Amino acid sequence: MKKTLSISSEEVIHHLKMSCQIPQVVEEITIQKIIVDTANSAGITVTEDELQQEGDRLRFAKKLVKAADTWAWLKAHHLNLDEFEQLVRNKILSEKVAHHLFADKVESFFYQNRLDFITAATYQVILDDYDLALELFYAVQEDELTFPEIAREYVPDSQLRLSGGYRGIQKRTDFRPEIAAAIFAATPPEIIKPIATSKGVYLIWVEEIIQPELTEDLHKQIVTDLFDSWLQQQVQQMEIITSFDSKLDNQVTEDSLIQA
């Protein structure tokens, strides 16, 4: 038989304080208020059909196939039906406000920052010895070795070794600045001269430089990024006043910290 344990709302708030999560929660509340205020000012609303469709998507994402599954999930998250509807409404409002503010700014942003969206497919080996890296570099250039052969010999990670040191398709910002400069100046397929860094000597095979296209997915990502940046700016411009009960809101003053 299970034991019963009671946890109060005050204990939940106290735990948030003790785990230093209050600032994060306050910021999330602030952001939601900003979104709602912006939606109201712009006349943005949510229809019943939109609520139904988004609610169905959420249940599908959470694998809530049966009504019993949904009720169990709601109970686990301490939500009633009205609160679940509010959760769904908030998500839709956020997407609509983001689209309202930034959908028409994506194309110009994309072309102004086109270099940031160029990607590269690379293979990498990180060595400790620059002279060895240089020797291997010339060996590949003179067709004495292939990059996969170098990877099999010098990549310690088994998964990376099996893939020949393949690091996937990455953006310029995914690389250290000095490495990005060399990679995106390459003429693929090409091995670039070893680059010494504080983390080791990088020997890199540039397989392909991929020019960006403004796809639907990238369009959505840019809208999201611009919206997130805008929200952070709005938060920074606000003076946020919290009002917990007197016991929980016993603020530590700067003077008391100095005296301690």
C-alpha atoms as a PDB file:
ATOM      1  CA  MET A   1       0.000   0.000   0.000  1.00  0.00           C
ATOM      2  CA  LYS A   2       1.329   3.414  -0.999  1.00  0.00           C
ATOM      3  CA  LYS A   3       1.999   6.054   1.644  1.00  0.00           C
ATOM      4  CA  THR A   4       0.285   9.433   1.359  1.00  0.00           C
ATOM      5  CA  LEU A   5       2.363  12.601   1.119  1.00  0.00           C
ATOM      6  CA  SER A   6       0.826  16.077   1.041  1.00  0.00           C
ATOM      7  CA  ILE A   7       2.598  18.941  -0.742  1.00  0.00           C
ATOM      8  CA  SER A   8       1.234  22.490  -0.509  1.00  0.00           C
ATOM      9  CA  SER A   9       1.473  25.286  -3.079  1.00  0.00           C
ATOM     10  CA  GLU A  10       3.667  27.175  -0.596  1.00  0.00           C
ATOM     11  CA  GLU A  11       6.097  24.247  -0.596  1.00  0.00           C
ATOM     12  CA  VAL A  12       6.175  24.249  -4.389  1.00  0.00           C
ATOM     13  CA  ILE A  13       7.033  27.961  -4.440  1.00  0.00           C
ATOM     14  CA  HIS A  14       9.631  27.433  -1.697  1.00  0.00           C
ATOM     15  CA  HIS A  15      11.232  24.662  -3.762  1.00  0.00           C
ATOM     16  CA  LEU A  16      11.348  26.933  -6.809  1.00  0.00           C
ATOM     17  CA  LYS A  17      13.131  29.521  -4.684  1.00  0.00           C
ATOM     18  CA  MET A  18      15.571  27.045  -3.198  1.00  0.00           C
ATOM     19  CA  SER A  19      16.391  25.640  -6.641  1.00  0.00           C
ATOM     20  CA  CYS A  20      16.848  29.192  -7.990  1.00  0.00           C
ATOM     21  CA  GLN A  21      14.122  28.737 -10.598  1.00  0.00           C
ATOM     22  CA  ILE A  22      12.014  31.778  -9.670  1.00  0.00           C
ATOM     23  CA  PRO A  23      13.728  34.155 -12.155  1.00  0.00           C
ATOM     24  CA  GLN A  24      13.102  31.722 -15.013  1.00  0.00           C
ATOM     25  CA  VAL A  25       9.444  31.268 -14.062  1.00  0.00           C
ATOM     26  CA  VAL A  26       8.951  35.030 -13.663  1.00  0.00           C
ATOM     27  CA  GLU A  27      10.476  35.618 -17.089  1.00  0.00           C
ATOM     28  CA  GLU A  28       8.202  33.002 -18.668  1.00  0.00           C
ATOM     29  CA  ILE A  29       5.148  34.648 -17.066  1.00  0.00           C
ATOM     30  CA  THR A  30       6.332  38.041 -18.286  1.00  0.00           C
ATOM     31  CA  ILE A  31       6.772  36.755 -21.816  1.00  0.00           C
ATOM     32  CA  GLN A  32       3.263  35.286 -21.827  1.00  0.00           C
ATOM     33  CA  LYS A  33       1.815  38.607 -20.635  1.00  0.00           C
ATOM     34  CA  ILE A  34       3.703  40.433 -23.399  1.00  0.00           C
ATOM     35  CA  ILE A  35       2.326  38.019 -26.001  1.00  0.00           C
ATOM     36  CA  VAL A  36      -1.256  38.390 -24.752  1.00  0.00           C
ATOM     37  CA  ASP A  37      -1.007  42.199 -24.610  1.00  0.00           C
ATOM     38  CA  THR A  38       0.467  42.316 -28.122  1.00  0.00           C
ATOM     39  CA  ALA A  39      -2.249  40.007 -29.443  1.00  0.00           C
ATOM     40  CA  ASN A  40      -4.968  42.166 -27.892  1.00  0.00           C
ATOM     41  CA  SER A  41      -3.466  45.347 -29.346  1.00  0.00           C
ATOM     42  CA  ALA A  42      -3.243  43.773 -32.807  1.00  0.00           C
ATOM     43  CA  GLY A  43      -6.714  42.227 -32.637  1.00  0.00           C
ATOM     44  CA  ILE A  44      -5.323  38.708 -32.878  1.00  0.00           C
ATOM     45  CA  THR A  45      -7.745  36.013 -31.706  1.00  0.00           C
ATOM     46  CA  VAL A  46      -7.967  32.221 -31.602  1.00  0.00           C
ATOM     47  CA  THR A  47     -10.917  30.380 -33.150  1.00  0.00           C
ATOM     48  CA  GLU A  48     -12.587  27.252 -31.801  1.00  0.00           C
ATOM     49  CA  ASP A  49     -11.403  25.298 -34.840  1.00  0.00           C
ATOM     50  CA  GLU A  50      -7.813  26.361 -34.187  1.00  0.00           C
ATOM     51  CA  LEU A  51      -8.125  25.304 -30.552  1.00  0.00           C
ATOM     52  CA  GLN A  52      -9.465  21.912 -31.576  1.00  0.00           C
ATOM     53  CA  GLN A  53      -6.767  21.305 -34.190  1.00  0.00           C
ATOM     54  CA  GLU A  54      -3.901  22.393 -31.923  1.00  0.00           C
ATOM     55  CA  GLY A  55      -5.322  20.410 -29.024  1.00  0.00           C
ATOM     56  CA  ASP A  56      -5.456  17.309 -31.215  1.00  0.00           C
ATOM     57  CA  ARG A  57      -1.837  17.912 -32.301  1.00  0.00           C
ATOM     58  CA  LEU A  58      -0.713  18.241 -28.704  1.00  0.00           C
ATOM     59  CA  ARG A  59      -2.479  15.031 -27.680  1.00  0.00           C
ATOM     60  CA  PHE A  60      -0.933  13.226 -30.648  1.00  0.00           C
ATOM     61  CA  ALA A  61       2.537  14.538 -29.732  1.00  0.00           C
ATOM     62  CA  LYS A  62       2.066  13.351 -26.138  1.00  0.00           C
ATOM     63  CA  LYS A  63       0.652   9.989 -27.361  1.00  0.00           C
ATOM     64  CA  LEU A  64      -2.641  10.607 -25.574  1.00  0.00           C
ATOM     65  CA  VAL A  65      -4.676   8.250 -27.739  1.00  0.00           C
ATOM     66  CA  LYS A  66      -7.506   7.432 -25.350  1.00  0.00           C
ATOM     67  CA  ALA A  67      -9.591   9.729 -23.173  1.00  0.00           C
ATOM     68  CA  ALA A  68      -8.174   7.950 -20.131  1.00  0.00           C
ATOM     69  CA  ASP A  69      -4.642   8.809 -21.299  1.00  0.00           C
ATOM     70  CA  THR A  70      -5.587  12.481 -21.564  1.00  0.00           C
ATOM     71  CA  TRP A  71      -7.176  12.533 -18.114  1.00  0.00           C
ATOM     72  CA  ALA A  72      -4.117  10.857 -16.609  1.00  0.00           C
ATOM     73  CA  TRP A  73      -1.820  13.403 -18.268  1.00  0.00           C
ATOM     74  CA  LEU A  74      -3.951  16.312 -17.064  1.00  0.00           C
ATOM     75  CA  LYS A  75      -3.934  14.922 -13.518  1.00  0.00           C
ATOM     76  CA  ALA A  76      -0.151  14.427 -13.567  1.00  0.00           C
ATOM     77  CA  HIS A  77       0.283  18.069 -14.618  1.00  0.00           C
ATOM     78  CA  HIS A  78      -2.403  19.398 -12.237  1.00  0.00           C
ATOM     79  CA  LEU A  79      -4.451  20.826 -15.094  1.00  0.00           C
ATOM     80  CA  ASN A  80      -8.190  20.983 -15.558  1.00  0.00           C
ATOM     81  CA  LEU A  81      -9.883  21.218 -18.967  1.00  0.00           C
ATOM     82  CA  ASP A  82     -10.054  25.013 -18.911  1.00  0.00           C
ATOM     83  CA  GLU A  83      -6.348  25.232 -18.116  1.00  0.00           C
ATOM     84  CA  PHE A  84      -5.537  22.756 -20.872  1.00  0.00           C
ATOM     85  CA  GLU A  85      -7.476  24.951 -23.279  1.00  0.00           C
ATOM     86  CA  GLN A  86      -5.528  27.980 -22.035  1.00  0.00           C
ATOM     87  CA  LEU A  87      -2.261  26.133 -22.583  1.00  0.00           C
ATOM     88  CA  VAL A  88      -3.277  25.403 -26.173  1.00  0.00           C
ATOM     89  CA  ARG A  89      -4.531  28.966 -26.683  1.00  0.00           C
ATOM     90  CA  ASN A  90      -1.211  30.385 -25.444  1.00  0.00           C
ATOM     91  CA  LYS A  91       0.726  28.316 -27.963  1.00  0.00           C
ATOM     92  CA  ILE A  92      -1.468  29.443 -30.850  1.00  0.00           C
ATOM     93  CA  LEU A  93      -1.299  33.087 -29.767  1.00  0.00           C
ATOM     94  CA  SER A  94       2.480  32.918 -29.574  1.00  0.00           C
ATOM     95  CA  GLU A  95       2.714  31.576 -33.122  1.00  0.00           C
ATOM     96  CA  LYS A  96       0.214  34.115 -34.460  1.00  0.00           C
ATOM     97  CA  VAL A  97       1.920  37.078 -32.801  1.00  0.00           C
ATOM     98  CA  ALA A  98       5.313  35.921 -34.100  1.00  0.00           C
ATOM     99  CA  HIS A  99       3.904  35.636 -37.620  1.00  0.00           C
ATOM    100  CA  HIS A 100       2.170  39.027 -37.326  1.00  0.00           C
ATOM    101  CA  LEU A 101       5.357  40.788 -36.250  1.00  0.00           C
ATOM    102  CA  PHE A 102       8.002  39.104 -38.378  1.00  0.00           C
ATOM    103  CA  ALA A 103       6.651  37.057 -41.300  1.00  0.00           C
ATOM    104  CA  ASP A 104       7.167  39.946 -43.729  1.00  0.00           C
ATOM    105  CA  LYS A 105      10.696  40.605 -42.432  1.00  0.00           C
ATOM    106  CA  VAL A 106      12.108  37.117 -43.022  1.00  0.00           C
ATOM    107  CA  GLU A 107      13.168  37.494 -46.653  1.00  0.00           C
ATOM    108  CA  SER A 108      15.145  40.689 -46.111  1.00  0.00           C
ATOM    109  CA  PHE A 109      16.737  39.232 -42.958  1.00  0.00           C
ATOM    110  CA  PHE A 110      17.703  36.087 -44.852  1.00  0.00           C
ATOM    111  CA  TYR A 111      19.440  37.957 -47.671  1.00  0.00           C
ATOM    112  CA  GLN A 112      21.127  40.431 -45.335  1.00  0.00           C
ATOM    113  CA  ASN A 113      22.512  37.541 -43.275  1.00  0.00           C
ATOM    114  CA  ARG A 114      22.951  35.013 -46.060  1.00  0.00           C
ATOM    115  CA  LEU A 115      26.512  34.139 -45.028  1.00  0.00           C
ATOM    116  CA  ASP A 116      25.240  32.947 -41.646  1.00  0.00           C
ATOM    117  CA  PHE A 117      23.039  30.354 -43.346  1.00  0.00           C
ATOM    118  CA  ILE A 118      25.701  28.797 -45.578  1.00  0.00           C
ATOM    119  CA  THR A 119      26.532  25.298 -44.331  1.00  0.00           C
ATOM    120  CA  ALA A 120      29.396  22.877 -44.809  1.00  0.00           C
ATOM    121  CA  ALA A 121      29.677  19.098 -44.741  1.00  0.00           C
ATOM    122  CA  THR A 122      33.002  18.199 -43.142  1.00  0.00           C
ATOM    123  CA  TYR A 123      35.121  15.334 -41.855  1.00  0.00           C
ATOM    124  CA  GLN A 124      37.458  16.109 -38.964  1.00  0.00           C
ATOM    125  CA  VAL A 125      40.369  14.598 -37.082  1.00  0.00           C
ATOM    126  CA  ILE A 126      41.791  16.332 -34.006  1.00  0.00           C
ATOM    127  CA  LEU A 127      45.451  15.628 -33.258  1.00  0.00           C
ATOM    128  CA  ASP A 128      47.931  16.682 -30.574  1.00  0.00           C
ATOM    129  CA  ASP A 129      50.929  17.081 -32.875  1.00  0.00           C
ATOM    130  CA  TYR A 130      51.014  19.831 -35.540  1.00  0.00           C
ATOM    131  CA  ASP A 131      53.933  18.236 -37.380  1.00  0.00           C
ATOM    132  CA  LEU A 132      52.027  14.950 -37.635  1.00  0.00           C
ATOM    133  CA  ALA A 133      48.925  16.800 -38.862  1.00  0.00           C
ATOM    134  CA  LEU A 134      51.005  18.582 -41.496  1.00  0.00           C
ATOM    135  CA  GLU A 135      52.553  15.288 -42.613  1.00  0.00           C
ATOM    136  CA  LEU A 136      49.092  13.719 -42.980  1.00  0.00           C
ATOM    137  CA  PHE A 137      47.844  16.813 -44.818  1.00  0.00           C
ATOM    138  CA  TYR A 138      50.553  16.489 -47.476  1.00  0.00           C
ATOM    139  CA  ALA A 139      50.024  12.733 -47.689  1.00  0.00           C
ATOM    140  CA  VAL A 140      46.369  13.299 -48.617  1.00  0.00           C
ATOM    141  CA  GLN A 141      47.274  16.028 -51.089  1.00  0.00           C
ATOM    142  CA  GLU A 142      49.729  13.678 -52.815  1.00  0.00           C
ATOM    143  CA  ASP A 143      47.225  10.787 -52.836  1.00  0.00           C
ATOM    144  CA  GLU A 144      49.370   8.690 -50.508  1.00  0.00           C
ATOM    145  CA  LEU A 145      46.547   8.491 -47.959  1.00  0.00           C
ATOM    146  CA  THR A 146      42.803   9.073 -47.927  1.00  0.00           C
ATOM    147  CA  PHE A 147      40.998  10.977 -45.199  1.00  0.00           C
ATOM    148  CA  PRO A 148      38.972   7.890 -44.146  1.00  0.00           C
ATOM    149  CA  GLU A 149      42.255   6.045 -43.608  1.00  0.00           C
ATOM    150  CA  ILE A 150      43.484   8.852 -41.353  1.00  0.00           C
ATOM    151  CA  ALA A 151      40.181   8.816 -39.440  1.00  0.00           C
ATOM    152  CA  ARG A 152      40.381   5.064 -38.874  1.00  0.00           C
ATOM    153  CA  GLU A 153      43.844   5.503 -37.404  1.00  0.00           C
ATOM    154  CA  TYR A 154      43.489   8.690 -35.354  1.00  0.00           C
ATOM    155  CA  VAL A 155      39.824   9.155 -34.331  1.00  0.00           C
ATOM    156  CA  PRO A 156      39.348   7.666 -30.830  1.00  0.00           C
ATOM    157  CA  ASP A 157      35.531   7.741 -30.780  1.00  0.00           C
ATOM    158  CA  SER A 158      34.217   4.504 -32.296  1.00  0.00           C
ATOM    159  CA  GLN A 159      31.118   6.041 -33.899  1.00  0.00           C
ATOM    160  CA  LEU A 160      33.076   8.904 -35.446  1.00  0.00           C
ATOM    161  CA  ARG A 161      35.755   6.477 -36.553  1.00  0.00           C
ATOM    162  CA  LEU A 162      33.198   4.330 -38.385  1.00  0.00           C
ATOM    163  CA  SER A 163      31.866   7.413 -40.174  1.00  0.00           C
ATOM    164  CA  GLY A 164      35.355   8.516 -41.196  1.00  0.00           C
ATOM    165  CA  GLY A 165      35.243  11.517 -38.845  1.00  0.00           C
ATOM    166  CA  TYR A 166      32.067  12.889 -40.427  1.00  0.00           C
ATOM    167  CA  ARG A 167      30.702  15.843 -38.422  1.00  0.00           C
ATOM    168  CA  GLY A 168      27.539  16.424 -40.433  1.00  0.00           C
ATOM    169  CA  ILE A 169      26.244  19.609 -42.014  1.00  0.00           C
ATOM    170  CA  GLN A 170      26.994  22.652 -39.875  1.00  0.00           C
ATOM    171  CA  LYS A 171      26.550  26.410 -40.054  1.00  0.00           C
ATOM    172  CA  ARG A 172      29.384  28.934 -39.867  1.00  0.00           C
ATOM    173  CA  THR A 173      28.494  29.714 -36.253  1.00  0.00           C
ATOM    174  CA  ASP A 174      28.933  26.040 -35.303  1.00  0.00           C
ATOM    175  CA  PHE A 175      32.694  26.314 -35.904  1.00  0.00           C
ATOM    176  CA  ARG A 176      35.406  28.221 -34.098  1.00  0.00           C
ATOM    177  CA  PRO A 177      35.999  31.516 -36.009  1.00  0.00           C
ATOM    178  CA  GLU A 178      39.454  30.539 -37.283  1.00  0.00           C
ATOM    179  CA  ILE A 179      38.158  27.161 -38.448  1.00  0.00           C
ATOM    180  CA  ALA A 180      35.048  28.658 -40.092  1.00  0.00           C
ATOM    181  CA  ALA A 181      37.200  31.103 -42.041  1.00  0.00           C
ATOM    182  CA  ALA A 182      39.283  28.270 -43.496  1.00  0.00           C
ATOM    183  CA  ILE A 183      36.360  25.928 -44.196  1.00  0.00           C
ATOM    184  CA  PHE A 184      34.236  28.466 -46.049  1.00  0.00           C
ATOM    185  CA  ALA A 185      37.209  29.640 -48.099  1.00  0.00           C
ATOM    186  CA  ALA A 186      37.837  26.079 -49.338  1.00  0.00           C
ATOM    187  CA  THR A 187      37.037  24.682 -52.772  1.00  0.00           C
ATOM    188  CA  PRO A 188      35.425  21.300 -52.023  1.00  0.00           C
ATOM    189  CA  PRO A 189      36.144  18.505 -52.028  1.00  0.00           C
ATOM    190  CA  GLU A 190      39.380  19.591 -50.377  1.00  0.00           C
ATOM    191  CA  ILE A 191      41.541  19.029 -47.323  1.00  0.00           C
ATOM    192  CA  ILE A 192      42.536  22.245 -45.594  1.00  0.00           C
ATOM    193  CA  LYS A 193      45.860  22.949 -43.935  1.00  0.00           C
ATOM    194  CA  PRO A 194      46.007  21.977 -40.227  1.00  0.00           C
ATOM    195  CA  ILE A 195      44.650  24.558 -37.807  1.00  0.00           C
ATOM    196  CA  ALA A 196      46.156  24.730 -34.311  1.00  0.00           C
ATOM    197  CA  THR A 197      43.758  25.642 -31.493  1.00  0.00           C
ATOM    198  CA  SER A 198      43.704  25.357 -27.715  1.00  0.00           C
ATOM    199  CA  LYS A 199      41.731  22.110 -28.102  1.00  0.00           C
ATOM    200  CA  GLY A 200      44.148  20.491 -30.525  1.00  0.00           C
ATOM    201  CA  VAL A 201      45.212  20.536 -34.153  1.00  0.00           C
ATOM    202  CA  TYR A 202      42.284  20.239 -36.565  1.00  0.00           C
ATOM    203  CA  LEU A 203      42.721  18.347 -39.807  1.00  0.00           C
ATOM    204  CA  ILE A 204      39.576  18.880 -41.881  1.00  0.00           C
ATOM    205  CA  TRP A 205      38.231  17.500 -45.136  1.00  0.00           C
ATOM    206  CA  VAL A 206      35.602  19.834 -46.620  1.00  0.00           C
ATOM    207  CA  GLU A 207      33.213  17.671 -48.600  1.00  0.00           C
ATOM    208  CA  GLU A 208      30.716  20.319 -49.664  1.00  0.00           C
ATOM    209  CA  ILE A 209      29.733  23.945 -49.159  1.00  0.00           C
ATOM    210  CA  ILE A 210      25.945  24.204 -49.325  1.00  0.00           C
ATOM    211  CA  GLN A 211      24.405  27.491 -50.427  1.00  0.00           C
ATOM    212  CA  PRO A 212      21.285  28.366 -48.418  1.00  0.00           C
ATOM    213  CA  GLU A 213      17.729  28.363 -49.707  1.00  0.00           C
ATOM    214  CA  LEU A 214      14.823  30.022 -47.947  1.00  0.00           C
ATOM    215  CA  THR A 215      12.781  26.870 -47.353  1.00  0.00           C
ATOM    216  CA  GLU A 216       9.543  26.755 -45.375  1.00  0.00           C
ATOM    217  CA  ASP A 217      11.357  25.259 -42.382  1.00  0.00           C
ATOM    218  CA  LEU A 218      14.045  27.943 -42.458  1.00  0.00           C
ATOM    219  CA  HIS A 219      11.368  30.632 -42.812  1.00  0.00           C
ATOM    220  CA  LYS A 220       9.688  29.343 -39.633  1.00  0.00           C
ATOM    221  CA  GLN A 221      13.015  29.167 -37.813  1.00  0.00           C
ATOM    222  CA  ILE A 222      13.893  32.760 -38.693  1.00  0.00           C
ATOM    223  CA  VAL A 223      10.467  33.958 -37.515  1.00  0.00           C
ATOM    224  CA  THR A 224      11.006  32.090 -34.235  1.00  0.00           C
ATOM    225  CA  ASP A 225      14.521  33.492 -33.773  1.00  0.00           C
ATOM    226  CA  LEU A 226      13.433  37.077 -34.495  1.00  0.00           C
ATOM    227  CA  PHE A 227      10.445  36.712 -32.178  1.00  0.00           C
ATOM    228  CA  ASP A 228      12.547  35.260 -29.342  1.00  0.00           C
ATOM    229  CA  SER A 229      15.028  38.103 -29.701  1.00  0.00           C
ATOM    230  CA  TRP A 230      12.206  40.665 -29.680  1.00  0.00           C
ATOM    231  CA  LEU A 231      10.663  39.110 -26.572  1.00  0.00           C
ATOM    232  CA  GLN A 232      13.980  39.275 -24.733  1.00  0.00           C
ATOM    233  CA  GLN A 233      14.266  42.959 -25.636  1.00  0.00           C
ATOM    234  CA  GLN A 234      10.756  43.582 -24.294  1.00  0.00           C
ATOM    235  CA  VAL A 235      11.576  41.793 -21.046  1.00  0.00           C
ATOM    236  CA  GLN A 236      14.773  43.823 -20.599  1.00  0.00           C
ATOM    237  CA  GLN A 237      12.798  47.052 -20.941  1.00  0.00           C
ATOM    238  CA  MET A 238      10.367  46.125 -18.163  1.00  0.00           C
ATOM    239  CA  GLU A 239      10.530  46.613 -14.431  1.00  0.00           C
ATOM    240  CA  ILE A 240       9.039  43.389 -13.094  1.00  0.00           C
ATOM    241  CA  ILE A 241       7.439  43.532  -9.652  1.00  0.00           C
ATOM    242  CA  THR A 242       6.635  40.216  -7.995  1.00  0.00           C
ATOM    243  CA  SER A 243       4.203  39.879  -5.110  1.00  0.00           C
ATOM    244  CA  PHE A 244       4.539  36.657  -3.153  1.00  0.00           C
ATOM    245  CA  ASP A 245       3.259  36.502   0.416  1.00  0.00           C
ATOM    246  CA  SER A 246       5.253  38.352   3.040  1.00  0.00           C
ATOM    247  CA  LYS A 247       7.087  35.286   4.326  1.00  0.00           C
ATOM    248  CA  LEU A 248       8.124  34.098   0.899  1.00  0.00           C
ATOM    249  CA  ASP A 249       8.978  37.578  -0.296  1.00  0.00           C
ATOM    250  CA  ASN A 250      11.415  38.422   2.457  1.00  0.00           C
ATOM    251  CA  GLN A 251      13.892  40.033   0.084  1.00  0.00           C
ATOM    252  CA  VAL A 252      17.577  40.188   0.958  1.00  0.00           C
ATOM    253  CA  THR A 253      18.827  43.761   0.726  1.00  0.00           C
ATOM    254  CA  GLU A 254      22.221  44.803  -0.550  1.00  0.00           C
ATOM    255  CA  ASP A 255      23.016  46.330   2.858  1.00  0.00           C
ATOM    256  CA  SER A 256      22.290  43.062   4.669  1.00  0.00           C
ATOM    257  CA  LEU A 257      24.608  41.196   2.314  1.00  0.00           C
ATOM    258  CA  ILE A 258      27.382  43.720   2.967  1.00  0.00           C
ATOM    259  CA  GLN A 259      26.881  43.428   6.741  1.00  0.00           C
ATOM    260  CA  ALA A 260      27.002  39.616   6.517  1.00  0.00           C
END
